[in-house]
């Protein structure tokens, strides 16, 4: 079972004290480390911080989180807990 943690405040700019908030994310992640020993990650931006600890069950080599993608000049980051068991079917459908 994976673990996720984070914070969000649209009135705050966490990057002004980036080192402090990065430490907070690491401490949050370490508090839930027992939920996933296989991989960890953090994502810190102006108004949001996300942390993830992973227990690898499926997609052992390609499931790194936080997932970060850029599209149309914007950056999107997520962490999630769960498995997409019909990923092959969904991929085939989306590639049509």
PDB file of N, CA and C in Angstrom:
ATOM      1  N   UNK A   1       0.838  -1.161   0.000  1.00  0.00           N
ATOM      2  CA  UNK A   1       0.000   0.000   0.000  1.00  0.00           C
ATOM      3  C   UNK A   1       0.892   1.236   0.000  1.00  0.00           C
ATOM      4  N   UNK A   2       0.639   2.173  -0.878  1.00  0.00           N
ATOM      5  CA  UNK A   2       1.424   3.400  -0.972  1.00  0.00           C
ATOM      6  C   UNK A   2       0.957   4.412   0.063  1.00  0.00           C
ATOM      7  N   UNK A   3       1.725   5.471   0.197  1.00  0.00           N
ATOM      8  CA  UNK A   3       1.333   6.563   1.067  1.00  0.00           C
ATOM      9  C   UNK A   3       1.479   7.885   0.349  1.00  0.00           C
ATOM     10  N   UNK A   4       0.518   8.784   0.569  1.00  0.00           N
ATOM     11  CA  UNK A   4       0.582  10.110  -0.021  1.00  0.00           C
ATOM     12  C   UNK A   4       0.369  11.147   1.077  1.00  0.00           C
ATOM     13  N   UNK A   5       0.994  12.297   0.907  1.00  0.00           N
ATOM     14  CA  UNK A   5       0.850  13.400   1.853  1.00  0.00           C
ATOM     15  C   UNK A   5       1.070  14.697   1.092  1.00  0.00           C
ATOM     16  N   UNK A   6       0.604  15.779   1.644  1.00  0.00           N
ATOM     17  CA  UNK A   6       0.846  17.055   0.987  1.00  0.00           C
ATOM     18  C   UNK A   6       0.124  18.203   1.639  1.00  0.00           C
ATOM     19  N   UNK A   7       0.285  19.360   1.011  1.00  0.00           N
ATOM     20  CA  UNK A   7      -0.378  20.575   1.472  1.00  0.00           C
ATOM     21  C   UNK A   7      -0.619  21.484   0.278  1.00  0.00           C
ATOM     22  N   UNK A   8      -1.590  22.368   0.427  1.00  0.00           N
ATOM     23  CA  UNK A   8      -1.942  23.310  -0.631  1.00  0.00           C
ATOM     24  C   UNK A   8      -2.491  24.575   0.025  1.00  0.00           C
ATOM     25  N   UNK A   9      -2.047  25.720  -0.462  1.00  0.00           N
ATOM     26  CA  UNK A   9      -2.557  26.996   0.011  1.00  0.00           C
ATOM     27  C   UNK A   9      -2.357  28.001  -1.108  1.00  0.00           C
ATOM     28  N   UNK A  10      -3.434  28.434  -1.714  1.00  0.00           N
ATOM     29  CA  UNK A  10      -3.345  29.350  -2.846  1.00  0.00           C
ATOM     30  C   UNK A  10      -2.958  30.769  -2.430  1.00  0.00           C
ATOM     31  N   UNK A  11      -2.934  31.044  -1.130  1.00  0.00           N
ATOM     32  CA  UNK A  11      -2.526  32.351  -0.623  1.00  0.00           C
ATOM     33  C   UNK A  11      -1.051  32.386  -0.235  1.00  0.00           C
ATOM     34  N   UNK A  12      -0.371  31.271  -0.354  1.00  0.00           N
ATOM     35  CA  UNK A  12       1.009  31.121   0.104  1.00  0.00           C
ATOM     36  C   UNK A  12       1.930  30.881  -1.089  1.00  0.00           C
ATOM     37  N   UNK A  13       3.183  31.287  -0.958  1.00  0.00           N
ATOM     38  CA  UNK A  13       4.199  30.919  -1.934  1.00  0.00           C
ATOM     39  C   UNK A  13       5.268  30.130  -1.191  1.00  0.00           C
ATOM     40  N   UNK A  14       5.187  28.810  -1.274  1.00  0.00           N
ATOM     41  CA  UNK A  14       6.094  27.930  -0.551  1.00  0.00           C
ATOM     42  C   UNK A  14       7.532  28.040  -1.053  1.00  0.00           C
ATOM     43  N   UNK A  15       7.723  28.583  -2.232  1.00  0.00           N
ATOM     44  CA  UNK A  15       9.070  28.695  -2.786  1.00  0.00           C
ATOM     45  C   UNK A  15       9.886  29.797  -2.119  1.00  0.00           C
ATOM     46  N   UNK A  16       9.223  30.738  -1.419  1.00  0.00           N
ATOM     47  CA  UNK A  16       9.963  31.762  -0.684  1.00  0.00           C
ATOM     48  C   UNK A  16      10.819  31.134   0.406  1.00  0.00           C
ATOM     49  N   UNK A  17      10.347  30.038   0.982  1.00  0.00           N
ATOM     50  CA  UNK A  17      11.096  29.293   1.995  1.00  0.00           C
ATOM     51  C   UNK A  17      11.212  27.839   1.542  1.00  0.00           C
ATOM     52  N   UNK A  18      11.762  27.674   0.366  1.00  0.00           N
ATOM     53  CA  UNK A  18      11.802  26.372  -0.293  1.00  0.00           C
ATOM     54  C   UNK A  18      12.472  25.300   0.558  1.00  0.00           C
ATOM     55  N   UNK A  19      13.598  25.593   1.178  1.00  0.00           N
ATOM     56  CA  UNK A  19      14.289  24.588   1.990  1.00  0.00           C
ATOM     57  C   UNK A  19      13.418  24.121   3.149  1.00  0.00           C
ATOM     58  N   UNK A  20      12.764  25.057   3.815  1.00  0.00           N
ATOM     59  CA  UNK A  20      11.884  24.718   4.934  1.00  0.00           C
ATOM     60  C   UNK A  20      10.772  23.789   4.484  1.00  0.00           C
ATOM     61  N   UNK A  21      10.083  24.143   3.405  1.00  0.00           N
ATOM     62  CA  UNK A  21       8.927  23.359   2.960  1.00  0.00           C
ATOM     63  C   UNK A  21       9.350  22.029   2.358  1.00  0.00           C
ATOM     64  N   UNK A  22      10.525  21.966   1.761  1.00  0.00           N
ATOM     65  CA  UNK A  22      11.042  20.686   1.272  1.00  0.00           C
ATOM     66  C   UNK A  22      11.281  19.752   2.456  1.00  0.00           C
ATOM     67  N   UNK A  23      11.845  20.287   3.547  1.00  0.00           N
ATOM     68  CA  UNK A  23      12.048  19.484   4.756  1.00  0.00           C
ATOM     69  C   UNK A  23      10.718  18.998   5.329  1.00  0.00           C
ATOM     70  N   UNK A  24       9.709  19.862   5.307  1.00  0.00           N
ATOM     71  CA  UNK A  24       8.380  19.463   5.795  1.00  0.00           C
ATOM     72  C   UNK A  24       7.851  18.293   4.970  1.00  0.00           C
ATOM     73  N   UNK A  25       7.989  18.367   3.650  1.00  0.00           N
ATOM     74  CA  UNK A  25       7.537  17.265   2.797  1.00  0.00           C
ATOM     75  C   UNK A  25       8.280  15.974   3.112  1.00  0.00           C
ATOM     76  N   UNK A  26       9.580  16.057   3.274  1.00  0.00           N
ATOM     77  CA  UNK A  26      10.368  14.864   3.584  1.00  0.00           C
ATOM     78  C   UNK A  26       9.936  14.293   4.934  1.00  0.00           C
ATOM     79  N   UNK A  27       9.722  15.141   5.921  1.00  0.00           N
ATOM     80  CA  UNK A  27       9.280  14.658   7.230  1.00  0.00           C
ATOM     81  C   UNK A  27       7.903  14.003   7.141  1.00  0.00           C
ATOM     82  N   UNK A  28       6.998  14.579   6.357  1.00  0.00           N
ATOM     83  CA  UNK A  28       5.679  13.974   6.173  1.00  0.00           C
ATOM     84  C   UNK A  28       5.819  12.602   5.520  1.00  0.00           C
ATOM     85  N   UNK A  29       6.660  12.542   4.489  1.00  0.00           N
ATOM     86  CA  UNK A  29       6.863  11.273   3.791  1.00  0.00           C
ATOM     87  C   UNK A  29       7.494  10.240   4.705  1.00  0.00           C
ATOM     88  N   UNK A  30       8.467  10.652   5.482  1.00  0.00           N
ATOM     89  CA  UNK A  30       9.129   9.715   6.395  1.00  0.00           C
ATOM     90  C   UNK A  30       8.165   9.179   7.450  1.00  0.00           C
ATOM     91  N   UNK A  31       7.173   9.981   7.825  1.00  0.00           N
ATOM     92  CA  UNK A  31       6.184   9.535   8.816  1.00  0.00           C
ATOM     93  C   UNK A  31       5.308   8.402   8.285  1.00  0.00           C
ATOM     94  N   UNK A  32       5.213   8.277   6.964  1.00  0.00           N
ATOM     95  CA  UNK A  32       4.395   7.214   6.361  1.00  0.00           C
ATOM     96  C   UNK A  32       5.247   6.232   5.562  1.00  0.00           C
ATOM     97  N   UNK A  33       6.552   6.218   5.839  1.00  0.00           N
ATOM     98  CA  UNK A  33       7.481   5.369   5.078  1.00  0.00           C
ATOM     99  C   UNK A  33       7.121   3.890   5.161  1.00  0.00           C
ATOM    100  N   UNK A  34       6.502   3.479   6.245  1.00  0.00           N
ATOM    101  CA  UNK A  34       6.126   2.068   6.400  1.00  0.00           C
ATOM    102  C   UNK A  34       5.096   1.626   5.359  1.00  0.00           C
ATOM    103  N   UNK A  35       4.450   2.568   4.691  1.00  0.00           N
ATOM    104  CA  UNK A  35       3.435   2.241   3.692  1.00  0.00           C
ATOM    105  C   UNK A  35       4.023   1.903   2.328  1.00  0.00           C
ATOM    106  N   UNK A  36       5.287   2.189   2.118  1.00  0.00           N
ATOM    107  CA  UNK A  36       5.880   1.899   0.828  1.00  0.00           C
ATOM    108  C   UNK A  36       7.377   2.068   0.834  1.00  0.00           C
ATOM    109  N   UNK A  37       8.129   0.995   0.940  1.00  0.00           N
ATOM    110  CA  UNK A  37       9.580   1.085   1.046  1.00  0.00           C
ATOM    111  C   UNK A  37      10.317   1.143  -0.297  1.00  0.00           C
ATOM    112  N   UNK A  38       9.600   1.039  -1.414  1.00  0.00           N
ATOM    113  CA  UNK A  38      10.286   0.834  -2.689  1.00  0.00           C
ATOM    114  C   UNK A  38      10.731   2.109  -3.399  1.00  0.00           C
ATOM    115  N   UNK A  39      10.061   3.220  -3.153  1.00  0.00           N
ATOM    116  CA  UNK A  39      10.423   4.450  -3.847  1.00  0.00           C
ATOM    117  C   UNK A  39       9.776   5.628  -3.145  1.00  0.00           C
ATOM    118  N   UNK A  40      10.425   6.787  -3.223  1.00  0.00           N
ATOM    119  CA  UNK A  40       9.870   7.989  -2.620  1.00  0.00           C
ATOM    120  C   UNK A  40      10.046   9.167  -3.565  1.00  0.00           C
ATOM    121  N   UNK A  41       9.277  10.219  -3.331  1.00  0.00           N
ATOM    122  CA  UNK A  41       9.432  11.422  -4.128  1.00  0.00           C
ATOM    123  C   UNK A  41       8.659  12.576  -3.530  1.00  0.00           C
ATOM    124  N   UNK A  42       9.106  13.786  -3.860  1.00  0.00           N
ATOM    125  CA  UNK A  42       8.437  15.001  -3.445  1.00  0.00           C
ATOM    126  C   UNK A  42       8.283  15.931  -4.645  1.00  0.00           C
ATOM    127  N   UNK A  43       7.300  16.809  -4.537  1.00  0.00           N
ATOM    128  CA  UNK A  43       7.008  17.803  -5.584  1.00  0.00           C
ATOM    129  C   UNK A  43       6.627  19.084  -4.864  1.00  0.00           C
ATOM    130  N   UNK A  44       7.408  20.134  -5.024  1.00  0.00           N
ATOM    131  CA  UNK A  44       7.140  21.403  -4.365  1.00  0.00           C
ATOM    132  C   UNK A  44       7.068  22.508  -5.402  1.00  0.00           C
ATOM    133  N   UNK A  45       5.964  23.206  -5.401  1.00  0.00           N
ATOM    134  CA  UNK A  45       5.776  24.357  -6.276  1.00  0.00           C
ATOM    135  C   UNK A  45       5.200  25.500  -5.451  1.00  0.00           C
ATOM    136  N   UNK A  46       4.868  26.578  -6.110  1.00  0.00           N
ATOM    137  CA  UNK A  46       4.473  27.806  -5.416  1.00  0.00           C
ATOM    138  C   UNK A  46       3.360  27.589  -4.402  1.00  0.00           C
ATOM    139  N   UNK A  47       2.295  26.909  -4.762  1.00  0.00           N
ATOM    140  CA  UNK A  47       1.122  26.789  -3.888  1.00  0.00           C
ATOM    141  C   UNK A  47       0.845  25.375  -3.409  1.00  0.00           C
ATOM    142  N   UNK A  48       1.716  24.428  -3.746  1.00  0.00           N
ATOM    143  CA  UNK A  48       1.426  23.035  -3.408  1.00  0.00           C
ATOM    144  C   UNK A  48       2.707  22.262  -3.115  1.00  0.00           C
ATOM    145  N   UNK A  49       2.591  21.314  -2.205  1.00  0.00           N
ATOM    146  CA  UNK A  49       3.666  20.365  -1.930  1.00  0.00           C
ATOM    147  C   UNK A  49       3.063  18.970  -1.852  1.00  0.00           C
ATOM    148  N   UNK A  50       3.659  18.012  -2.530  1.00  0.00           N
ATOM    149  CA  UNK A  50       3.174  16.631  -2.553  1.00  0.00           C
ATOM    150  C   UNK A  50       4.318  15.688  -2.218  1.00  0.00           C
ATOM    151  N   UNK A  51       3.999  14.631  -1.494  1.00  0.00           N
ATOM    152  CA  UNK A  51       4.996  13.614  -1.163  1.00  0.00           C
ATOM    153  C   UNK A  51       4.383  12.236  -1.389  1.00  0.00           C
ATOM    154  N   UNK A  52       5.228  11.278  -1.741  1.00  0.00           N
ATOM    155  CA  UNK A  52       4.749   9.935  -2.054  1.00  0.00           C
ATOM    156  C   UNK A  52       5.771   8.906  -1.605  1.00  0.00           C
ATOM    157  N   UNK A  53       5.284   7.809  -1.088  1.00  0.00           N
ATOM    158  CA  UNK A  53       6.113   6.644  -0.793  1.00  0.00           C
ATOM    159  C   UNK A  53       5.424   5.445  -1.426  1.00  0.00           C
ATOM    160  N   UNK A  54       6.178   4.616  -2.103  1.00  0.00           N
ATOM    161  CA  UNK A  54       5.587   3.612  -2.988  1.00  0.00           C
ATOM    162  C   UNK A  54       5.910   2.182  -2.580  1.00  0.00           C
ATOM    163  N   UNK A  55       4.889   1.376  -2.624  1.00  0.00           N
ATOM    164  CA  UNK A  55       5.033  -0.074  -2.547  1.00  0.00           C
ATOM    165  C   UNK A  55       4.796  -0.581  -3.965  1.00  0.00           C
ATOM    166  N   UNK A  56       5.822  -1.103  -4.608  1.00  0.00           N
ATOM    167  CA  UNK A  56       5.722  -1.537  -6.009  1.00  0.00           C
ATOM    168  C   UNK A  56       4.990  -2.862  -6.108  1.00  0.00           C
ATOM    169  N   UNK A  57       3.896  -2.846  -6.843  1.00  0.00           N
ATOM    170  CA  UNK A  57       3.131  -4.065  -7.096  1.00  0.00           C
ATOM    171  C   UNK A  57       3.060  -4.308  -8.597  1.00  0.00           C
ATOM    172  N   UNK A  58       2.648  -3.301  -9.328  1.00  0.00           N
ATOM    173  CA  UNK A  58       2.592  -3.368 -10.792  1.00  0.00           C
ATOM    174  C   UNK A  58       3.507  -2.287 -11.339  1.00  0.00           C
ATOM    175  N   UNK A  59       3.884  -2.425 -12.599  1.00  0.00           N
ATOM    176  CA  UNK A  59       4.758  -1.447 -13.249  1.00  0.00           C
ATOM    177  C   UNK A  59       5.965  -1.150 -12.359  1.00  0.00           C
ATOM    178  N   UNK A  60       6.705  -2.196 -12.062  1.00  0.00           N
ATOM    179  CA  UNK A  60       7.784  -2.103 -11.087  1.00  0.00           C
ATOM    180  C   UNK A  60       8.843  -1.075 -11.448  1.00  0.00           C
ATOM    181  N   UNK A  61       9.100  -0.881 -12.731  1.00  0.00           N
ATOM    182  CA  UNK A  61      10.164   0.042 -13.122  1.00  0.00           C
ATOM    183  C   UNK A  61       9.649   1.389 -13.604  1.00  0.00           C
ATOM    184  N   UNK A  62       8.364   1.516 -13.901  1.00  0.00           N
ATOM    185  CA  UNK A  62       7.885   2.756 -14.508  1.00  0.00           C
ATOM    186  C   UNK A  62       6.849   3.515 -13.725  1.00  0.00           C
ATOM    187  N   UNK A  63       6.679   3.232 -12.465  1.00  0.00           N
ATOM    188  CA  UNK A  63       5.614   3.872 -11.710  1.00  0.00           C
ATOM    189  C   UNK A  63       6.062   4.986 -10.793  1.00  0.00           C
ATOM    190  N   UNK A  64       7.138   5.667 -11.142  1.00  0.00           N
ATOM    191  CA  UNK A  64       7.663   6.714 -10.279  1.00  0.00           C
ATOM    192  C   UNK A  64       6.660   7.839 -10.064  1.00  0.00           C
ATOM    193  N   UNK A  65       6.600   8.312  -8.832  1.00  0.00           N
ATOM    194  CA  UNK A  65       5.738   9.429  -8.491  1.00  0.00           C
ATOM    195  C   UNK A  65       6.533  10.416  -7.657  1.00  0.00           C
ATOM    196  N   UNK A  66       6.111  11.621  -7.590  1.00  0.00           N
ATOM    197  CA  UNK A  66       4.988  12.256  -8.242  1.00  0.00           C
ATOM    198  C   UNK A  66       5.117  12.213  -9.770  1.00  0.00           C
ATOM    199  N   UNK A  67       3.979  12.109 -10.412  1.00  0.00           N
ATOM    200  CA  UNK A  67       3.930  12.164 -11.874  1.00  0.00           C
ATOM    201  C   UNK A  67       3.859  13.637 -12.268  1.00  0.00           C
ATOM    202  N   UNK A  68       4.763  14.057 -13.131  1.00  0.00           N
ATOM    203  CA  UNK A  68       4.810  15.453 -13.555  1.00  0.00           C
ATOM    204  C   UNK A  68       4.831  15.490 -15.071  1.00  0.00           C
ATOM    205  N   UNK A  69       3.937  16.263 -15.633  1.00  0.00           N
ATOM    206  CA  UNK A  69       3.868  16.419 -17.087  1.00  0.00           C
ATOM    207  C   UNK A  69       3.678  17.886 -17.434  1.00  0.00           C
ATOM    208  N   UNK A  70       4.175  18.262 -18.604  1.00  0.00           N
ATOM    209  CA  UNK A  70       3.965  19.609 -19.128  1.00  0.00           C
ATOM    210  C   UNK A  70       3.090  19.506 -20.368  1.00  0.00           C
ATOM    211  N   UNK A  71       2.135  20.412 -20.454  1.00  0.00           N
ATOM    212  CA  UNK A  71       1.258  20.468 -21.624  1.00  0.00           C
ATOM    213  C   UNK A  71       0.794  21.899 -21.813  1.00  0.00           C
ATOM    214  N   UNK A  72       0.931  22.391 -23.021  1.00  0.00           N
ATOM    215  CA  UNK A  72       0.451  23.731 -23.380  1.00  0.00           C
ATOM    216  C   UNK A  72       1.006  24.805 -22.449  1.00  0.00           C
ATOM    217  N   UNK A  73       2.283  24.685 -22.099  1.00  0.00           N
ATOM    218  CA  UNK A  73       2.942  25.678 -21.269  1.00  0.00           C
ATOM    219  C   UNK A  73       2.622  25.591 -19.786  1.00  0.00           C
ATOM    220  N   UNK A  74       1.902  24.599 -19.365  1.00  0.00           N
ATOM    221  CA  UNK A  74       1.557  24.421 -17.953  1.00  0.00           C
ATOM    222  C   UNK A  74       2.185  23.140 -17.425  1.00  0.00           C
ATOM    223  N   UNK A  75       2.430  23.103 -16.133  1.00  0.00           N
ATOM    224  CA  UNK A  75       2.957  21.906 -15.481  1.00  0.00           C
ATOM    225  C   UNK A  75       1.897  21.320 -14.569  1.00  0.00           C
ATOM    226  N   UNK A  76       1.772  19.994 -14.625  1.00  0.00           N
ATOM    227  CA  UNK A  76       0.794  19.283 -13.807  1.00  0.00           C
ATOM    228  C   UNK A  76       1.522  18.197 -13.026  1.00  0.00           C
ATOM    229  N   UNK A  77       1.244  18.126 -11.729  1.00  0.00           N
ATOM    230  CA  UNK A  77       1.846  17.112 -10.891  1.00  0.00           C
ATOM    231  C   UNK A  77       0.779  16.445 -10.043  1.00  0.00           C
ATOM    232  N   UNK A  78       0.864  15.121  -9.915  1.00  0.00           N
ATOM    233  CA  UNK A  78      -0.074  14.383  -9.072  1.00  0.00           C
ATOM    234  C   UNK A  78       0.664  13.284  -8.322  1.00  0.00           C
ATOM    235  N   UNK A  79       0.070  12.872  -7.227  1.00  0.00           N
ATOM    236  CA  UNK A  79       0.417  11.628  -6.558  1.00  0.00           C
ATOM    237  C   UNK A  79      -0.896  10.895  -6.355  1.00  0.00           C
ATOM    238  N   UNK A  80      -0.855   9.595  -6.408  1.00  0.00           N
ATOM    239  CA  UNK A  80      -2.084   8.840  -6.191  1.00  0.00           C
ATOM    240  C   UNK A  80      -1.757   7.484  -5.599  1.00  0.00           C
ATOM    241  N   UNK A  81      -2.753   6.908  -4.991  1.00  0.00           N
ATOM    242  CA  UNK A  81      -2.632   5.592  -4.397  1.00  0.00           C
ATOM    243  C   UNK A  81      -3.643   4.691  -5.086  1.00  0.00           C
ATOM    244  N   UNK A  82      -3.154   3.710  -5.755  1.00  0.00           N
ATOM    245  CA  UNK A  82      -4.039   2.794  -6.445  1.00  0.00           C
ATOM    246  C   UNK A  82      -3.367   2.205  -7.659  1.00  0.00           C
ATOM    247  N   UNK A  83      -3.950   1.187  -8.142  1.00  0.00           N
ATOM    248  CA  UNK A  83      -3.436   0.507  -9.327  1.00  0.00           C
ATOM    249  C   UNK A  83      -4.481   0.576 -10.423  1.00  0.00           C
ATOM    250  N   UNK A  84      -4.033   0.768 -11.637  1.00  0.00           N
ATOM    251  CA  UNK A  84      -4.926   0.733 -12.789  1.00  0.00           C
ATOM    252  C   UNK A  84      -4.759  -0.658 -13.398  1.00  0.00           C
ATOM    253  N   UNK A  85      -5.652  -1.548 -13.022  1.00  0.00           N
ATOM    254  CA  UNK A  85      -5.507  -2.948 -13.422  1.00  0.00           C
ATOM    255  C   UNK A  85      -5.894  -3.199 -14.883  1.00  0.00           C
ATOM    256  N   UNK A  86      -6.631  -2.280 -15.476  1.00  0.00           N
ATOM    257  CA  UNK A  86      -6.968  -2.437 -16.887  1.00  0.00           C
ATOM    258  C   UNK A  86      -6.188  -1.437 -17.738  1.00  0.00           C
ATOM    259  N   UNK A  87      -4.947  -1.150 -17.335  1.00  0.00           N
ATOM    260  CA  UNK A  87      -4.129  -0.152 -18.020  1.00  0.00           C
ATOM    261  C   UNK A  87      -3.899  -0.502 -19.484  1.00  0.00           C
ATOM    262  N   UNK A  88      -3.680  -1.774 -19.805  1.00  0.00           N
ATOM    263  CA  UNK A  88      -3.439  -2.144 -21.201  1.00  0.00           C
ATOM    264  C   UNK A  88      -4.660  -1.867 -22.065  1.00  0.00           C
ATOM    265  N   UNK A  89      -5.842  -2.177 -21.572  1.00  0.00           N
ATOM    266  CA  UNK A  89      -7.060  -1.902 -22.322  1.00  0.00           C
ATOM    267  C   UNK A  89      -7.275  -0.402 -22.504  1.00  0.00           C
ATOM    268  N   UNK A  90      -7.041   0.346 -21.435  1.00  0.00           N
ATOM    269  CA  UNK A  90      -7.214   1.795 -21.516  1.00  0.00           C
ATOM    270  C   UNK A  90      -6.218   2.413 -22.486  1.00  0.00           C
ATOM    271  N   UNK A  91      -4.970   1.946 -22.439  1.00  0.00           N
ATOM    272  CA  UNK A  91      -3.954   2.468 -23.347  1.00  0.00           C
ATOM    273  C   UNK A  91      -4.340   2.214 -24.795  1.00  0.00           C
ATOM    274  N   UNK A  92      -4.797   1.017 -25.079  1.00  0.00           N
ATOM    275  CA  UNK A  92      -5.215   0.681 -26.443  1.00  0.00           C
ATOM    276  C   UNK A  92      -6.366   1.571 -26.891  1.00  0.00           C
ATOM    277  N   UNK A  93      -7.300   1.817 -26.019  1.00  0.00           N
ATOM    278  CA  UNK A  93      -8.445   2.674 -26.352  1.00  0.00           C
ATOM    279  C   UNK A  93      -7.998   4.117 -26.594  1.00  0.00           C
ATOM    280  N   UNK A  94      -7.101   4.614 -25.777  1.00  0.00           N
ATOM    281  CA  UNK A  94      -6.646   6.009 -25.900  1.00  0.00           C
ATOM    282  C   UNK A  94      -5.768   6.217 -27.124  1.00  0.00           C
ATOM    283  N   UNK A  95      -5.114   5.169 -27.599  1.00  0.00           N
ATOM    284  CA  UNK A  95      -4.242   5.305 -28.765  1.00  0.00           C
ATOM    285  C   UNK A  95      -5.009   5.267 -30.078  1.00  0.00           C
ATOM    286  N   UNK A  96      -6.291   4.979 -30.040  1.00  0.00           N
ATOM    287  CA  UNK A  96      -7.099   4.922 -31.277  1.00  0.00           C
ATOM    288  C   UNK A  96      -7.265   6.295 -31.880  1.00  0.00           C
TER     289      UNK A  96
END
